[in-house]
C-alpha cells in the first residue's frame, strides 16, 4: 500500500512524539525510583 508523502510526514511526527514522551517518562521514573 503506497502512502502519500504527507501521510509519511504524519507518521514520522507521531513516532517522534511517542519517542519524546517515552524518554520523558523514563527520565521521571529514573528520578523517582
C-alpha atoms as a PDB file:
ATOM      1  CA  UNK A   1       0.000   0.000   0.000  1.00  0.00           C
ATOM      2  CA  UNK A   2       1.569   3.259  -1.112  1.00  0.00           C
ATOM      3  CA  UNK A   3       1.365   6.274   1.141  1.00  0.00           C
ATOM      4  CA  UNK A   4       1.482   9.895   0.127  1.00  0.00           C
ATOM      5  CA  UNK A   5       4.433  11.939   1.333  1.00  0.00           C
ATOM      6  CA  UNK A   6       2.116  13.842   3.665  1.00  0.00           C
ATOM      7  CA  UNK A   7       0.997  10.619   5.356  1.00  0.00           C
ATOM      8  CA  UNK A   8       4.639   9.619   5.796  1.00  0.00           C
ATOM      9  CA  UNK A   9       5.385  13.002   7.381  1.00  0.00           C
ATOM     10  CA  UNK A  10       2.463  12.494   9.770  1.00  0.00           C
ATOM     11  CA  UNK A  11       3.760   9.035  10.706  1.00  0.00           C
ATOM     12  CA  UNK A  12       7.238  10.404  11.397  1.00  0.00           C
ATOM     13  CA  UNK A  13       5.788  13.190  13.544  1.00  0.00           C
ATOM     14  CA  UNK A  14       3.707  10.690  15.534  1.00  0.00           C
ATOM     15  CA  UNK A  15       6.696   8.387  16.036  1.00  0.00           C
ATOM     16  CA  UNK A  16       8.821  11.343  17.158  1.00  0.00           C
ATOM     17  CA  UNK A  17       6.135  12.450  19.623  1.00  0.00           C
ATOM     18  CA  UNK A  18       5.811   8.936  21.065  1.00  0.00           C
ATOM     19  CA  UNK A  19       9.595   8.690  21.399  1.00  0.00           C
ATOM     20  CA  UNK A  20       9.783  12.045  23.200  1.00  0.00           C
ATOM     21  CA  UNK A  21       7.039  11.035  25.635  1.00  0.00           C
ATOM     22  CA  UNK A  22       8.687   7.679  26.269  1.00  0.00           C
ATOM     23  CA  UNK A  23      12.057   9.311  27.026  1.00  0.00           C
ATOM     24  CA  UNK A  24      10.379  11.820  29.338  1.00  0.00           C
ATOM     25  CA  UNK A  25       8.562   9.050  31.205  1.00  0.00           C
ATOM     26  CA  UNK A  26      11.797   7.089  31.566  1.00  0.00           C
ATOM     27  CA  UNK A  27      13.548  10.183  32.923  1.00  0.00           C
ATOM     28  CA  UNK A  28      10.808  10.702  35.514  1.00  0.00           C
ATOM     29  CA  UNK A  29      10.881   7.035  36.526  1.00  0.00           C
ATOM     30  CA  UNK A  30      14.648   7.150  36.971  1.00  0.00           C
ATOM     31  CA  UNK A  31      14.411  10.366  39.011  1.00  0.00           C
ATOM     32  CA  UNK A  32      11.751   8.872  41.326  1.00  0.00           C
ATOM     33  CA  UNK A  33      12.583   5.209  41.935  1.00  0.00           C
END
